């Protein structure tokens, strides 16, 4: 089995650092942000498109500092 951690990013949707942001959330939409202080994505809303559209799921591709969430 090949170790993909060295060659690919962990998608934000599977990263253990994603977290709910209650201050940015609105009724009917739950904001999800990056909680990794070492990442360039820190505090970025991960379920907002580049044009600012609120999305129902995390769509960002990830960063090299992501860690897979524990199941």
PDB file of N, CA and C in Angstrom:
ATOM      1  N   UNK A   1       0.839  -1.179   0.000  1.00  0.00           N
ATOM      2  CA  UNK A   1       0.000   0.000   0.000  1.00  0.00           C
ATOM      3  C   UNK A   1       0.888   1.248   0.000  1.00  0.00           C
ATOM      4  N   UNK A   2       0.567   2.195  -0.831  1.00  0.00           N
ATOM      5  CA  UNK A   2       1.359   3.399  -0.985  1.00  0.00           C
ATOM      6  C   UNK A   2       0.952   4.454   0.047  1.00  0.00           C
ATOM      7  N   UNK A   3       1.927   5.112   0.638  1.00  0.00           N
ATOM      8  CA  UNK A   3       1.654   6.185   1.582  1.00  0.00           C
ATOM      9  C   UNK A   3       1.398   7.465   0.789  1.00  0.00           C
ATOM     10  N   UNK A   4       0.151   7.925   0.766  1.00  0.00           N
ATOM     11  CA  UNK A   4      -0.198   9.117  -0.014  1.00  0.00           C
ATOM     12  C   UNK A   4       0.011  10.399   0.774  1.00  0.00           C
ATOM     13  N   UNK A   5       0.278  10.313   2.046  1.00  0.00           N
ATOM     14  CA  UNK A   5       0.451  11.499   2.855  1.00  0.00           C
ATOM     15  C   UNK A   5       1.626  12.363   2.395  1.00  0.00           C
ATOM     16  N   UNK A   6       2.641  11.745   1.843  1.00  0.00           N
ATOM     17  CA  UNK A   6       3.824  12.478   1.407  1.00  0.00           C
ATOM     18  C   UNK A   6       3.642  13.114   0.030  1.00  0.00           C
ATOM     19  N   UNK A   7       2.703  12.631  -0.743  1.00  0.00           N
ATOM     20  CA  UNK A   7       2.576  13.100  -2.116  1.00  0.00           C
ATOM     21  C   UNK A   7       1.307  13.893  -2.387  1.00  0.00           C
ATOM     22  N   UNK A   8       0.323  13.834  -1.496  1.00  0.00           N
ATOM     23  CA  UNK A   8      -0.943  14.512  -1.742  1.00  0.00           C
ATOM     24  C   UNK A   8      -1.381  15.271  -0.500  1.00  0.00           C
ATOM     25  N   UNK A   9      -2.200  16.267  -0.725  1.00  0.00           N
ATOM     26  CA  UNK A   9      -2.795  16.996   0.386  1.00  0.00           C
ATOM     27  C   UNK A   9      -3.958  16.198   0.948  1.00  0.00           C
ATOM     28  N   UNK A  10      -4.244  16.398   2.217  1.00  0.00           N
ATOM     29  CA  UNK A  10      -5.471  15.890   2.808  1.00  0.00           C
ATOM     30  C   UNK A  10      -6.543  16.915   2.481  1.00  0.00           C
ATOM     31  N   UNK A  11      -7.639  16.481   1.883  1.00  0.00           N
ATOM     32  CA  UNK A  11      -8.722  17.418   1.556  1.00  0.00           C
ATOM     33  C   UNK A  11      -9.273  18.032   2.846  1.00  0.00           C
ATOM     34  N   UNK A  12      -9.638  19.288   2.778  1.00  0.00           N
ATOM     35  CA  UNK A  12     -10.170  19.980   3.953  1.00  0.00           C
ATOM     36  C   UNK A  12     -11.383  19.256   4.537  1.00  0.00           C
ATOM     37  N   UNK A  13     -12.188  18.637   3.690  1.00  0.00           N
ATOM     38  CA  UNK A  13     -13.375  17.936   4.176  1.00  0.00           C
ATOM     39  C   UNK A  13     -13.023  16.741   5.060  1.00  0.00           C
ATOM     40  N   UNK A  14     -11.797  16.223   4.946  1.00  0.00           N
ATOM     41  CA  UNK A  14     -11.362  15.072   5.746  1.00  0.00           C
ATOM     42  C   UNK A  14     -10.338  15.450   6.820  1.00  0.00           C
ATOM     43  N   UNK A  15     -10.050  16.719   6.959  1.00  0.00           N
ATOM     44  CA  UNK A  15      -8.987  17.172   7.872  1.00  0.00           C
ATOM     45  C   UNK A  15      -9.504  17.312   9.304  1.00  0.00           C
ATOM     46  N   UNK A  16      -8.658  16.972  10.255  1.00  0.00           N
ATOM     47  CA  UNK A  16      -9.056  17.071  11.657  1.00  0.00           C
ATOM     48  C   UNK A  16      -9.097  18.515  12.144  1.00  0.00           C
ATOM     49  N   UNK A  17      -8.517  19.450  11.403  1.00  0.00           N
ATOM     50  CA  UNK A  17      -8.479  20.846  11.836  1.00  0.00           C
ATOM     51  C   UNK A  17      -9.716  21.650  11.430  1.00  0.00           C
ATOM     52  N   UNK A  18     -10.593  21.103  10.623  1.00  0.00           N
ATOM     53  CA  UNK A  18     -11.800  21.861  10.268  1.00  0.00           C
ATOM     54  C   UNK A  18     -12.686  21.952  11.507  1.00  0.00           C
ATOM     55  N   UNK A  19     -13.326  23.098  11.659  1.00  0.00           N
ATOM     56  CA  UNK A  19     -14.164  23.296  12.837  1.00  0.00           C
ATOM     57  C   UNK A  19     -15.308  24.256  12.526  1.00  0.00           C
ATOM     58  N   UNK A  20     -16.339  24.164  13.330  1.00  0.00           N
ATOM     59  CA  UNK A  20     -17.515  25.018  13.185  1.00  0.00           C
ATOM     60  C   UNK A  20     -17.157  26.440  13.642  1.00  0.00           C
ATOM     61  N   UNK A  21     -17.586  27.428  12.881  1.00  0.00           N
ATOM     62  CA  UNK A  21     -17.382  28.827  13.244  1.00  0.00           C
ATOM     63  C   UNK A  21     -18.743  29.446  13.552  1.00  0.00           C
ATOM     64  N   UNK A  22     -19.117  29.508  14.825  1.00  0.00           N
ATOM     65  CA  UNK A  22     -20.452  30.007  15.173  1.00  0.00           C
ATOM     66  C   UNK A  22     -20.645  31.495  14.873  1.00  0.00           C
ATOM     67  N   UNK A  23     -19.572  32.272  14.829  1.00  0.00           N
ATOM     68  CA  UNK A  23     -19.717  33.711  14.575  1.00  0.00           C
ATOM     69  C   UNK A  23     -20.034  34.015  13.118  1.00  0.00           C
ATOM     70  N   UNK A  24     -19.635  33.151  12.195  1.00  0.00           N
ATOM     71  CA  UNK A  24     -19.899  33.373  10.775  1.00  0.00           C
ATOM     72  C   UNK A  24     -21.142  32.623  10.290  1.00  0.00           C
ATOM     73  N   UNK A  25     -21.639  31.698  11.099  1.00  0.00           N
ATOM     74  CA  UNK A  25     -22.805  30.904  10.705  1.00  0.00           C
ATOM     75  C   UNK A  25     -24.065  31.765  10.664  1.00  0.00           C
ATOM     76  N   UNK A  26     -24.994  31.347   9.854  1.00  0.00           N
ATOM     77  CA  UNK A  26     -26.287  32.017   9.726  1.00  0.00           C
ATOM     78  C   UNK A  26     -27.379  30.969   9.846  1.00  0.00           C
ATOM     79  N   UNK A  27     -28.613  31.387  10.112  1.00  0.00           N
ATOM     80  CA  UNK A  27     -29.692  30.390  10.173  1.00  0.00           C
ATOM     81  C   UNK A  27     -29.781  29.604   8.862  1.00  0.00           C
ATOM     82  N   UNK A  28     -29.733  28.297   8.970  1.00  0.00           N
ATOM     83  CA  UNK A  28     -29.803  27.443   7.787  1.00  0.00           C
ATOM     84  C   UNK A  28     -28.458  27.175   7.122  1.00  0.00           C
ATOM     85  N   UNK A  29     -27.386  27.745   7.661  1.00  0.00           N
ATOM     86  CA  UNK A  29     -26.054  27.520   7.092  1.00  0.00           C
ATOM     87  C   UNK A  29     -25.024  27.505   8.208  1.00  0.00           C
ATOM     88  N   UNK A  30     -24.229  26.446   8.253  1.00  0.00           N
ATOM     89  CA  UNK A  30     -23.197  26.275   9.276  1.00  0.00           C
ATOM     90  C   UNK A  30     -21.831  26.554   8.665  1.00  0.00           C
ATOM     91  N   UNK A  31     -21.161  27.573   9.135  1.00  0.00           N
ATOM     92  CA  UNK A  31     -19.837  27.944   8.623  1.00  0.00           C
ATOM     93  C   UNK A  31     -18.776  26.991   9.177  1.00  0.00           C
ATOM     94  N   UNK A  32     -17.876  26.536   8.303  1.00  0.00           N
ATOM     95  CA  UNK A  32     -16.777  25.661   8.685  1.00  0.00           C
ATOM     96  C   UNK A  32     -15.474  26.389   8.354  1.00  0.00           C
ATOM     97  N   UNK A  33     -14.558  26.463   9.329  1.00  0.00           N
ATOM     98  CA  UNK A  33     -13.293  27.153   9.128  1.00  0.00           C
ATOM     99  C   UNK A  33     -12.114  26.231   9.397  1.00  0.00           C
ATOM    100  N   UNK A  34     -10.938  26.644   8.918  1.00  0.00           N
ATOM    101  CA  UNK A  34      -9.692  25.924   9.205  1.00  0.00           C
ATOM    102  C   UNK A  34      -9.205  26.351  10.584  1.00  0.00           C
ATOM    103  N   UNK A  35      -8.884  25.385  11.423  1.00  0.00           N
ATOM    104  CA  UNK A  35      -8.413  25.676  12.771  1.00  0.00           C
ATOM    105  C   UNK A  35      -6.936  25.396  12.984  1.00  0.00           C
ATOM    106  N   UNK A  36      -6.178  25.216  11.906  1.00  0.00           N
ATOM    107  CA  UNK A  36      -4.746  24.925  12.012  1.00  0.00           C
ATOM    108  C   UNK A  36      -3.959  26.228  11.954  1.00  0.00           C
ATOM    109  N   UNK A  37      -3.385  26.687  13.071  1.00  0.00           N
ATOM    110  CA  UNK A  37      -2.672  27.963  13.082  1.00  0.00           C
ATOM    111  C   UNK A  37      -1.395  27.967  12.224  1.00  0.00           C
ATOM    112  N   UNK A  38      -0.917  26.811  11.812  1.00  0.00           N
ATOM    113  CA  UNK A  38       0.285  26.744  10.972  1.00  0.00           C
ATOM    114  C   UNK A  38      -0.039  26.805   9.479  1.00  0.00           C
ATOM    115  N   UNK A  39      -1.311  26.724   9.128  1.00  0.00           N
ATOM    116  CA  UNK A  39      -1.727  26.683   7.730  1.00  0.00           C
ATOM    117  C   UNK A  39      -1.980  28.079   7.167  1.00  0.00           C
ATOM    118  N   UNK A  40      -1.748  28.238   5.865  1.00  0.00           N
ATOM    119  CA  UNK A  40      -2.107  29.488   5.188  1.00  0.00           C
ATOM    120  C   UNK A  40      -3.623  29.671   5.165  1.00  0.00           C
ATOM    121  N   UNK A  41      -4.359  28.603   5.357  1.00  0.00           N
ATOM    122  CA  UNK A  41      -5.829  28.646   5.326  1.00  0.00           C
ATOM    123  C   UNK A  41      -6.437  28.941   6.700  1.00  0.00           C
ATOM    124  N   UNK A  42      -5.628  29.162   7.707  1.00  0.00           N
ATOM    125  CA  UNK A  42      -6.111  29.368   9.077  1.00  0.00           C
ATOM    126  C   UNK A  42      -7.200  30.433   9.125  1.00  0.00           C
ATOM    127  N   UNK A  43      -8.309  30.072   9.749  1.00  0.00           N
ATOM    128  CA  UNK A  43      -9.492  30.930   9.917  1.00  0.00           C
ATOM    129  C   UNK A  43     -10.252  31.191   8.619  1.00  0.00           C
ATOM    130  N   UNK A  44      -9.861  30.567   7.514  1.00  0.00           N
ATOM    131  CA  UNK A  44     -10.598  30.725   6.256  1.00  0.00           C
ATOM    132  C   UNK A  44     -11.861  29.872   6.322  1.00  0.00           C
ATOM    133  N   UNK A  45     -12.945  30.390   5.767  1.00  0.00           N
ATOM    134  CA  UNK A  45     -14.185  29.620   5.698  1.00  0.00           C
ATOM    135  C   UNK A  45     -14.073  28.620   4.556  1.00  0.00           C
ATOM    136  N   UNK A  46     -14.168  27.351   4.874  1.00  0.00           N
ATOM    137  CA  UNK A  46     -13.910  26.274   3.922  1.00  0.00           C
ATOM    138  C   UNK A  46     -15.133  25.869   3.108  1.00  0.00           C
ATOM    139  N   UNK A  47     -16.287  26.381   3.455  1.00  0.00           N
ATOM    140  CA  UNK A  47     -17.485  26.062   2.679  1.00  0.00           C
ATOM    141  C   UNK A  47     -18.071  27.331   2.040  1.00  0.00           C
ATOM    142  N   UNK A  48     -17.165  28.182   1.566  1.00  0.00           N
ATOM    143  CA  UNK A  48     -17.521  29.381   0.803  1.00  0.00           C
ATOM    144  C   UNK A  48     -16.740  29.324  -0.501  1.00  0.00           C
ATOM    145  N   UNK A  49     -17.421  29.575  -1.610  1.00  0.00           N
ATOM    146  CA  UNK A  49     -16.760  29.537  -2.922  1.00  0.00           C
ATOM    147  C   UNK A  49     -15.893  30.785  -3.122  1.00  0.00           C
ATOM    148  N   UNK A  50     -15.014  30.783  -4.121  1.00  0.00           N
ATOM    149  CA  UNK A  50     -14.201  31.966  -4.409  1.00  0.00           C
ATOM    150  C   UNK A  50     -15.037  33.209  -4.731  1.00  0.00           C
ATOM    151  N   UNK A  51     -16.265  33.007  -5.169  1.00  0.00           N
ATOM    152  CA  UNK A  51     -17.138  34.147  -5.471  1.00  0.00           C
ATOM    153  C   UNK A  51     -17.979  34.566  -4.273  1.00  0.00           C
ATOM    154  N   UNK A  52     -17.818  33.871  -3.143  1.00  0.00           N
ATOM    155  CA  UNK A  52     -18.523  34.239  -1.923  1.00  0.00           C
ATOM    156  C   UNK A  52     -19.828  33.509  -1.683  1.00  0.00           C
ATOM    157  N   UNK A  53     -20.150  32.530  -2.507  1.00  0.00           N
ATOM    158  CA  UNK A  53     -21.383  31.763  -2.324  1.00  0.00           C
ATOM    159  C   UNK A  53     -21.235  30.793  -1.152  1.00  0.00           C
ATOM    160  N   UNK A  54     -22.232  30.760  -0.276  1.00  0.00           N
ATOM    161  CA  UNK A  54     -22.224  29.824   0.849  1.00  0.00           C
ATOM    162  C   UNK A  54     -22.590  28.439   0.331  1.00  0.00           C
ATOM    163  N   UNK A  55     -21.789  27.448   0.675  1.00  0.00           N
ATOM    164  CA  UNK A  55     -22.009  26.084   0.209  1.00  0.00           C
ATOM    165  C   UNK A  55     -22.352  25.180   1.383  1.00  0.00           C
ATOM    166  N   UNK A  56     -23.059  24.110   1.108  1.00  0.00           N
ATOM    167  CA  UNK A  56     -23.499  23.215   2.176  1.00  0.00           C
ATOM    168  C   UNK A  56     -22.389  22.284   2.664  1.00  0.00           C
ATOM    169  N   UNK A  57     -21.336  22.119   1.868  1.00  0.00           N
ATOM    170  CA  UNK A  57     -20.248  21.230   2.293  1.00  0.00           C
ATOM    171  C   UNK A  57     -18.893  21.881   2.024  1.00  0.00           C
ATOM    172  N   UNK A  58     -17.868  21.326   2.633  1.00  0.00           N
ATOM    173  CA  UNK A  58     -16.510  21.826   2.457  1.00  0.00           C
ATOM    174  C   UNK A  58     -16.015  21.435   1.073  1.00  0.00           C
ATOM    175  N   UNK A  59     -15.540  22.415   0.306  1.00  0.00           N
ATOM    176  CA  UNK A  59     -15.094  22.146  -1.061  1.00  0.00           C
ATOM    177  C   UNK A  59     -13.635  22.489  -1.299  1.00  0.00           C
ATOM    178  N   UNK A  60     -12.958  23.062  -0.326  1.00  0.00           N
ATOM    179  CA  UNK A  60     -11.551  23.426  -0.522  1.00  0.00           C
ATOM    180  C   UNK A  60     -10.710  22.175  -0.702  1.00  0.00           C
ATOM    181  N   UNK A  61      -9.614  22.307  -1.458  1.00  0.00           N
ATOM    182  CA  UNK A  61      -8.784  21.148  -1.820  1.00  0.00           C
ATOM    183  C   UNK A  61      -7.851  20.703  -0.708  1.00  0.00           C
ATOM    184  N   UNK A  62      -7.429  21.576   0.150  1.00  0.00           N
ATOM    185  CA  UNK A  62      -6.538  21.187   1.239  1.00  0.00           C
ATOM    186  C   UNK A  62      -5.194  21.870   1.147  1.00  0.00           C
ATOM    187  N   UNK A  63      -4.360  21.603   2.142  1.00  0.00           N
ATOM    188  CA  UNK A  63      -3.018  22.178   2.203  1.00  0.00           C
ATOM    189  C   UNK A  63      -2.037  21.100   2.646  1.00  0.00           C
ATOM    190  N   UNK A  64      -0.742  21.353   2.525  1.00  0.00           N
ATOM    191  CA  UNK A  64       0.241  20.328   2.912  1.00  0.00           C
ATOM    192  C   UNK A  64       0.271  20.050   4.415  1.00  0.00           C
ATOM    193  N   UNK A  65      -0.351  20.898   5.222  1.00  0.00           N
ATOM    194  CA  UNK A  65      -0.304  20.731   6.671  1.00  0.00           C
ATOM    195  C   UNK A  65      -1.520  20.023   7.244  1.00  0.00           C
ATOM    196  N   UNK A  66      -2.433  19.603   6.384  1.00  0.00           N
ATOM    197  CA  UNK A  66      -3.638  18.920   6.843  1.00  0.00           C
ATOM    198  C   UNK A  66      -3.339  17.563   7.450  1.00  0.00           C
ATOM    199  N   UNK A  67      -4.162  17.145   8.380  1.00  0.00           N
ATOM    200  CA  UNK A  67      -4.032  15.832   9.007  1.00  0.00           C
ATOM    201  C   UNK A  67      -5.384  15.139   8.932  1.00  0.00           C
ATOM    202  N   UNK A  68      -5.366  13.892   8.552  1.00  0.00           N
ATOM    203  CA  UNK A  68      -6.613  13.141   8.396  1.00  0.00           C
ATOM    204  C   UNK A  68      -7.309  12.994   9.757  1.00  0.00           C
ATOM    205  N   UNK A  69      -8.607  13.217   9.745  1.00  0.00           N
ATOM    206  CA  UNK A  69      -9.404  13.112  10.969  1.00  0.00           C
ATOM    207  C   UNK A  69      -9.432  11.678  11.437  1.00  0.00           C
ATOM    208  N   UNK A  70      -9.442  11.515  12.728  1.00  0.00           N
ATOM    209  CA  UNK A  70      -9.554  10.172  13.313  1.00  0.00           C
ATOM    210  C   UNK A  70     -10.984   9.725  13.262  1.00  0.00           C
ATOM    211  N   UNK A  71     -11.184   8.480  12.949  1.00  0.00           N
ATOM    212  CA  UNK A  71     -12.545   7.932  12.867  1.00  0.00           C
ATOM    213  C   UNK A  71     -12.954   7.364  14.195  1.00  0.00           C
TER     214      UNK A  71
END
